[in-house]
Amino acid sequence: MHKLLLIALAGACGTLCRYWLSGVMYAALGRGFPWGTWAVNILGCFLFGLVWILAEERGFLSGQTRVIVLVGFMGAFTTFSTFVFESGELLRDAQWLRLILNVGGQNVAGFAALFLGTSLGRIL
């Protein structure tokens, strides 16, 4: 239970950081391009990689702390970082078909799901 509360708290922090960074980017650069989301996703990928190496290869973070940070904070800050990390693992392992299915499939299915959701929302 303690671990779940820490994940939830980290998630709340990730959400607030996402909101803050997006706001800063839009205030600085305007809303003509999704700069806020871009900044969150790219920073999220950087932080995910940093935390992963600090935990897995350097031993600076315990396994539990890694889960709290990556699932809690990063999960709320951006899921794009997880998508890129998992795709990178497929690339590293030369799982070409799975990589193409993951990257292409999530993007195509995501756009299709968005279209279906907005269509259903308009019907209701």
N, C-alpha and C. Protein backbone atom coordinates (compact mmCIF):
# COMPACT_ATOMS: atom_id res chain seq x y z
N MET A 1 0.82 -1.20 0.00
CA MET A 1 0.00 0.00 0.00
C MET A 1 0.87 1.26 0.00
N HIS A 2 1.95 1.23 0.74
CA HIS A 2 2.86 2.38 0.81
C HIS A 2 3.41 2.72 -0.57
N LYS A 3 3.78 1.67 -1.32
CA LYS A 3 4.33 1.87 -2.66
C LYS A 3 3.28 2.52 -3.58
N LEU A 4 2.04 2.08 -3.47
CA LEU A 4 0.97 2.65 -4.30
C LEU A 4 0.75 4.13 -3.98
N LEU A 5 0.83 4.48 -2.72
CA LEU A 5 0.66 5.88 -2.35
C LEU A 5 1.81 6.73 -2.89
N LEU A 6 3.02 6.19 -2.85
CA LEU A 6 4.15 6.93 -3.40
C LEU A 6 4.04 7.09 -4.92
N ILE A 7 3.56 6.05 -5.60
CA ILE A 7 3.34 6.14 -7.05
C ILE A 7 2.28 7.21 -7.34
N ALA A 8 1.21 7.23 -6.55
CA ALA A 8 0.14 8.23 -6.75
C ALA A 8 0.67 9.64 -6.50
N LEU A 9 1.46 9.81 -5.46
CA LEU A 9 2.03 11.12 -5.15
C LEU A 9 2.98 11.56 -6.27
N ALA A 10 3.81 10.64 -6.73
CA ALA A 10 4.72 10.96 -7.84
C ALA A 10 3.92 11.31 -9.09
N GLY A 11 2.81 10.60 -9.31
CA GLY A 11 1.94 10.90 -10.45
C GLY A 11 1.35 12.30 -10.37
N ALA A 12 0.94 12.70 -9.18
CA ALA A 12 0.42 14.05 -9.00
C ALA A 12 1.50 15.08 -9.32
N CYS A 13 2.71 14.81 -8.87
CA CYS A 13 3.83 15.73 -9.17
C CYS A 13 4.10 15.79 -10.67
N GLY A 14 4.05 14.64 -11.33
CA GLY A 14 4.26 14.60 -12.78
C GLY A 14 3.21 15.39 -13.53
N THR A 15 1.97 15.26 -13.10
CA THR A 15 0.87 16.00 -13.72
C THR A 15 1.07 17.50 -13.57
N LEU A 16 1.43 17.92 -12.37
CA LEU A 16 1.63 19.35 -12.14
C LEU A 16 2.82 19.88 -12.93
N CYS A 17 3.88 19.09 -13.03
CA CYS A 17 5.04 19.52 -13.82
C CYS A 17 4.70 19.61 -15.30
N ARG A 18 3.90 18.67 -15.79
CA ARG A 18 3.47 18.72 -17.19
C ARG A 18 2.66 19.99 -17.44
N TYR A 19 1.73 20.28 -16.56
CA TYR A 19 0.89 21.47 -16.69
C TYR A 19 1.75 22.73 -16.67
N TRP A 20 2.68 22.79 -15.74
CA TRP A 20 3.54 23.97 -15.60
C TRP A 20 4.42 24.16 -16.83
N LEU A 21 5.12 23.10 -17.25
CA LEU A 21 6.03 23.22 -18.39
C LEU A 21 5.28 23.57 -19.67
N SER A 22 4.14 22.94 -19.89
CA SER A 22 3.34 23.27 -21.07
C SER A 22 2.94 24.74 -21.07
N GLY A 23 2.51 25.22 -19.93
CA GLY A 23 2.12 26.63 -19.81
C GLY A 23 3.27 27.57 -20.09
N VAL A 24 4.45 27.24 -19.57
CA VAL A 24 5.64 28.07 -19.81
C VAL A 24 5.96 28.11 -21.30
N MET A 25 5.91 26.96 -21.95
CA MET A 25 6.25 26.89 -23.37
C MET A 25 5.24 27.66 -24.22
N TYR A 26 3.96 27.50 -23.92
CA TYR A 26 2.95 28.21 -24.70
C TYR A 26 3.03 29.72 -24.46
N ALA A 27 3.31 30.11 -23.24
CA ALA A 27 3.45 31.54 -22.94
C ALA A 27 4.65 32.14 -23.67
N ALA A 28 5.72 31.38 -23.77
CA ALA A 28 6.94 31.87 -24.40
C ALA A 28 6.87 31.83 -25.92
N LEU A 29 6.26 30.78 -26.48
CA LEU A 29 6.34 30.56 -27.93
C LEU A 29 4.99 30.63 -28.65
N GLY A 30 3.91 30.80 -27.91
CA GLY A 30 2.60 30.87 -28.54
C GLY A 30 1.99 29.51 -28.77
N ARG A 31 0.77 29.51 -29.28
CA ARG A 31 0.03 28.26 -29.47
C ARG A 31 -0.09 27.85 -30.94
N GLY A 32 0.73 28.42 -31.80
CA GLY A 32 0.69 28.06 -33.21
C GLY A 32 1.22 26.67 -33.49
N PHE A 33 1.95 26.11 -32.56
CA PHE A 33 2.51 24.76 -32.65
C PHE A 33 2.43 24.16 -31.25
N PRO A 34 2.24 22.86 -31.11
CA PRO A 34 2.10 22.27 -29.77
C PRO A 34 3.43 22.20 -29.01
N TRP A 35 4.01 23.37 -28.75
CA TRP A 35 5.32 23.43 -28.08
C TRP A 35 5.28 22.82 -26.68
N GLY A 36 4.20 23.00 -25.96
CA GLY A 36 4.11 22.45 -24.61
C GLY A 36 4.21 20.94 -24.61
N THR A 37 3.43 20.31 -25.47
CA THR A 37 3.47 18.85 -25.57
C THR A 37 4.82 18.39 -26.09
N TRP A 38 5.36 19.08 -27.05
CA TRP A 38 6.67 18.74 -27.60
C TRP A 38 7.73 18.77 -26.51
N ALA A 39 7.75 19.84 -25.73
CA ALA A 39 8.75 19.97 -24.67
C ALA A 39 8.58 18.87 -23.62
N VAL A 40 7.36 18.60 -23.23
CA VAL A 40 7.10 17.56 -22.23
C VAL A 40 7.56 16.20 -22.75
N ASN A 41 7.22 15.88 -23.98
CA ASN A 41 7.58 14.57 -24.52
C ASN A 41 9.09 14.40 -24.67
N ILE A 42 9.78 15.41 -25.17
CA ILE A 42 11.22 15.29 -25.36
C ILE A 42 11.94 15.27 -24.02
N LEU A 43 11.56 16.17 -23.11
CA LEU A 43 12.15 16.15 -21.77
C LEU A 43 11.84 14.83 -21.07
N GLY A 44 10.63 14.33 -21.25
CA GLY A 44 10.26 13.05 -20.66
C GLY A 44 11.12 11.91 -21.15
N CYS A 45 11.43 11.88 -22.43
CA CYS A 45 12.31 10.84 -22.97
C CYS A 45 13.71 10.94 -22.36
N PHE A 46 14.22 12.17 -22.26
CA PHE A 46 15.53 12.38 -21.65
C PHE A 46 15.54 11.89 -20.20
N LEU A 47 14.54 12.31 -19.43
CA LEU A 47 14.48 11.93 -18.02
C LEU A 47 14.29 10.42 -17.85
N PHE A 48 13.48 9.81 -18.70
CA PHE A 48 13.27 8.36 -18.62
C PHE A 48 14.60 7.65 -18.83
N GLY A 49 15.34 8.05 -19.86
CA GLY A 49 16.64 7.43 -20.11
C GLY A 49 17.61 7.64 -18.97
N LEU A 50 17.64 8.83 -18.41
CA LEU A 50 18.53 9.14 -17.30
C LEU A 50 18.20 8.29 -16.08
N VAL A 51 16.93 8.25 -15.71
CA VAL A 51 16.51 7.47 -14.54
C VAL A 51 16.79 5.98 -14.76
N TRP A 52 16.52 5.49 -15.95
CA TRP A 52 16.74 4.08 -16.24
C TRP A 52 18.20 3.69 -16.04
N ILE A 53 19.11 4.48 -16.60
CA ILE A 53 20.54 4.17 -16.48
C ILE A 53 21.01 4.33 -15.03
N LEU A 54 20.55 5.38 -14.35
CA LEU A 54 20.94 5.57 -12.95
C LEU A 54 20.49 4.40 -12.08
N ALA A 55 19.36 3.81 -12.42
CA ALA A 55 18.85 2.68 -11.64
C ALA A 55 19.48 1.35 -12.09
N GLU A 56 19.46 1.09 -13.39
CA GLU A 56 19.87 -0.21 -13.90
C GLU A 56 21.38 -0.41 -13.98
N GLU A 57 22.09 0.59 -14.45
CA GLU A 57 23.52 0.41 -14.68
C GLU A 57 24.40 1.02 -13.61
N ARG A 58 23.93 2.07 -12.98
CA ARG A 58 24.74 2.76 -11.98
C ARG A 58 24.38 2.38 -10.55
N GLY A 59 23.20 1.82 -10.36
CA GLY A 59 22.78 1.42 -9.03
C GLY A 59 22.51 2.58 -8.08
N PHE A 60 22.30 3.78 -8.62
CA PHE A 60 22.04 4.95 -7.79
C PHE A 60 20.62 4.96 -7.23
N LEU A 61 19.72 4.26 -7.88
CA LEU A 61 18.33 4.22 -7.45
C LEU A 61 17.92 2.77 -7.23
N SER A 62 17.14 2.54 -6.19
CA SER A 62 16.63 1.19 -5.94
C SER A 62 15.57 0.84 -6.98
N GLY A 63 15.26 -0.43 -7.08
CA GLY A 63 14.21 -0.86 -7.99
C GLY A 63 12.88 -0.23 -7.66
N GLN A 64 12.58 -0.09 -6.37
CA GLN A 64 11.32 0.52 -5.96
C GLN A 64 11.28 1.99 -6.33
N THR A 65 12.39 2.69 -6.13
CA THR A 65 12.42 4.11 -6.50
C THR A 65 12.27 4.28 -8.00
N ARG A 66 12.92 3.40 -8.75
CA ARG A 66 12.79 3.44 -10.21
C ARG A 66 11.34 3.30 -10.63
N VAL A 67 10.62 2.36 -10.05
CA VAL A 67 9.21 2.15 -10.38
C VAL A 67 8.39 3.38 -10.00
N ILE A 68 8.64 3.94 -8.83
CA ILE A 68 7.89 5.12 -8.40
C ILE A 68 8.11 6.28 -9.36
N VAL A 69 9.36 6.49 -9.76
CA VAL A 69 9.67 7.61 -10.65
C VAL A 69 9.15 7.35 -12.07
N LEU A 70 9.43 6.16 -12.60
CA LEU A 70 9.06 5.90 -14.00
C LEU A 70 7.56 5.67 -14.18
N VAL A 71 6.94 4.94 -13.28
CA VAL A 71 5.50 4.68 -13.41
C VAL A 71 4.70 5.87 -12.88
N GLY A 72 5.07 6.36 -11.71
CA GLY A 72 4.31 7.46 -11.10
C GLY A 72 4.56 8.78 -11.79
N PHE A 73 5.76 9.34 -11.59
CA PHE A 73 6.04 10.67 -12.13
C PHE A 73 6.01 10.68 -13.65
N MET A 74 6.80 9.81 -14.29
CA MET A 74 6.89 9.84 -15.74
C MET A 74 5.59 9.40 -16.40
N GLY A 75 4.86 8.48 -15.76
CA GLY A 75 3.59 8.04 -16.32
C GLY A 75 2.58 9.18 -16.39
N ALA A 76 2.66 10.09 -15.43
CA ALA A 76 1.75 11.24 -15.44
C ALA A 76 2.33 12.39 -16.25
N PHE A 77 3.65 12.51 -16.25
CA PHE A 77 4.31 13.59 -16.99
C PHE A 77 4.16 13.35 -18.49
N THR A 78 4.43 12.13 -18.93
CA THR A 78 4.27 11.78 -20.34
C THR A 78 4.34 10.27 -20.53
N THR A 79 3.39 9.71 -21.26
CA THR A 79 3.50 8.29 -21.61
C THR A 79 4.31 8.13 -22.89
N PHE A 80 4.56 9.22 -23.56
CA PHE A 80 5.35 9.17 -24.79
C PHE A 80 6.75 8.63 -24.50
N SER A 81 7.31 8.98 -23.34
CA SER A 81 8.64 8.50 -23.00
C SER A 81 8.66 6.98 -22.89
N THR A 82 7.62 6.39 -22.34
CA THR A 82 7.53 4.93 -22.25
C THR A 82 7.42 4.32 -23.64
N PHE A 83 6.60 4.92 -24.48
CA PHE A 83 6.46 4.46 -25.86
C PHE A 83 7.80 4.48 -26.58
N VAL A 84 8.55 5.56 -26.44
CA VAL A 84 9.85 5.66 -27.11
C VAL A 84 10.84 4.66 -26.51
N PHE A 85 10.84 4.53 -25.17
CA PHE A 85 11.75 3.58 -24.53
C PHE A 85 11.48 2.16 -25.01
N GLU A 86 10.22 1.75 -25.00
CA GLU A 86 9.87 0.40 -25.43
C GLU A 86 10.21 0.19 -26.91
N SER A 87 10.00 1.20 -27.71
CA SER A 87 10.38 1.12 -29.12
C SER A 87 11.90 1.01 -29.25
N GLY A 88 12.62 1.75 -28.43
CA GLY A 88 14.08 1.67 -28.43
C GLY A 88 14.58 0.30 -28.04
N GLU A 89 13.90 -0.36 -27.12
CA GLU A 89 14.27 -1.72 -26.74
C GLU A 89 14.08 -2.68 -27.92
N LEU A 90 12.98 -2.51 -28.65
CA LEU A 90 12.75 -3.34 -29.84
C LEU A 90 13.82 -3.07 -30.89
N LEU A 91 14.20 -1.81 -31.06
CA LEU A 91 15.26 -1.45 -31.99
C LEU A 91 16.59 -2.08 -31.57
N ARG A 92 16.91 -1.94 -30.29
CA ARG A 92 18.16 -2.50 -29.77
C ARG A 92 18.23 -4.02 -30.00
N ASP A 93 17.10 -4.68 -29.83
CA ASP A 93 17.04 -6.14 -29.98
C ASP A 93 16.80 -6.57 -31.43
N ALA A 94 16.83 -5.61 -32.36
CA ALA A 94 16.63 -5.87 -33.79
C ALA A 94 15.31 -6.60 -34.06
N GLN A 95 14.29 -6.23 -33.32
CA GLN A 95 12.95 -6.79 -33.51
C GLN A 95 12.20 -5.88 -34.49
N TRP A 96 12.61 -5.93 -35.74
CA TRP A 96 12.17 -4.96 -36.74
C TRP A 96 10.66 -4.96 -36.95
N LEU A 97 10.08 -6.14 -37.10
CA LEU A 97 8.63 -6.21 -37.34
C LEU A 97 7.87 -5.67 -36.14
N ARG A 98 8.28 -6.06 -34.95
CA ARG A 98 7.62 -5.57 -33.74
C ARG A 98 7.80 -4.06 -33.59
N LEU A 99 8.96 -3.57 -33.96
CA LEU A 99 9.21 -2.12 -33.90
C LEU A 99 8.26 -1.39 -34.84
N ILE A 100 8.16 -1.86 -36.07
CA ILE A 100 7.28 -1.23 -37.06
C ILE A 100 5.83 -1.31 -36.60
N LEU A 101 5.43 -2.48 -36.08
CA LEU A 101 4.05 -2.63 -35.60
C LEU A 101 3.78 -1.71 -34.41
N ASN A 102 4.76 -1.57 -33.53
CA ASN A 102 4.57 -0.72 -32.36
C ASN A 102 4.47 0.75 -32.76
N VAL A 103 5.44 1.23 -33.49
CA VAL A 103 5.47 2.65 -33.86
C VAL A 103 4.34 2.98 -34.84
N GLY A 104 4.28 2.22 -35.91
CA GLY A 104 3.24 2.47 -36.91
C GLY A 104 1.85 2.18 -36.37
N GLY A 105 1.73 1.05 -35.70
CA GLY A 105 0.43 0.64 -35.19
C GLY A 105 -0.16 1.60 -34.17
N GLN A 106 0.67 2.04 -33.22
CA GLN A 106 0.15 2.95 -32.21
C GLN A 106 -0.25 4.29 -32.82
N ASN A 107 0.52 4.75 -33.79
CA ASN A 107 0.18 6.03 -34.42
C ASN A 107 -1.07 5.91 -35.27
N VAL A 108 -1.15 4.90 -36.11
CA VAL A 108 -2.33 4.72 -36.97
C VAL A 108 -3.56 4.43 -36.11
N ALA A 109 -3.42 3.50 -35.17
CA ALA A 109 -4.56 3.16 -34.31
C ALA A 109 -4.95 4.35 -33.43
N GLY A 110 -3.97 5.12 -33.00
CA GLY A 110 -4.26 6.30 -32.19
C GLY A 110 -5.08 7.32 -32.94
N PHE A 111 -4.69 7.60 -34.19
CA PHE A 111 -5.46 8.54 -35.00
C PHE A 111 -6.86 7.99 -35.28
N ALA A 112 -6.94 6.69 -35.56
CA ALA A 112 -8.24 6.08 -35.81
C ALA A 112 -9.13 6.16 -34.57
N ALA A 113 -8.55 5.86 -33.41
CA ALA A 113 -9.32 5.92 -32.16
C ALA A 113 -9.77 7.35 -31.86
N LEU A 114 -8.90 8.31 -32.12
CA LEU A 114 -9.27 9.71 -31.93
C LEU A 114 -10.45 10.07 -32.83
N PHE A 115 -10.38 9.67 -34.11
CA PHE A 115 -11.46 9.95 -35.05
C PHE A 115 -12.76 9.28 -34.59
N LEU A 116 -12.68 8.01 -34.19
CA LEU A 116 -13.88 7.30 -33.73
C LEU A 116 -14.45 7.93 -32.47
N GLY A 117 -13.59 8.30 -31.55
CA GLY A 117 -14.05 8.94 -30.32
C GLY A 117 -14.72 10.27 -30.55
N THR A 118 -14.10 11.09 -31.43
CA THR A 118 -14.72 12.38 -31.72
C THR A 118 -16.03 12.21 -32.50
N SER A 119 -16.05 11.22 -33.37
CA SER A 119 -17.28 10.94 -34.12
C SER A 119 -18.40 10.50 -33.19
N LEU A 120 -18.09 9.59 -32.27
CA LEU A 120 -19.10 9.13 -31.32
C LEU A 120 -19.55 10.29 -30.42
N GLY A 121 -18.62 11.09 -30.01
CA GLY A 121 -18.96 12.25 -29.18
C GLY A 121 -19.92 13.20 -29.88
N ARG A 122 -19.74 13.37 -31.18
CA ARG A 122 -20.63 14.26 -31.94
C ARG A 122 -22.02 13.64 -32.11
N ILE A 123 -22.07 12.32 -32.23
CA ILE A 123 -23.36 11.63 -32.39
C ILE A 123 -24.16 11.70 -31.10
N LEU A 124 -23.45 11.53 -29.98
CA LEU A 124 -24.15 11.53 -28.68
C LEU A 124 -24.58 12.94 -28.36
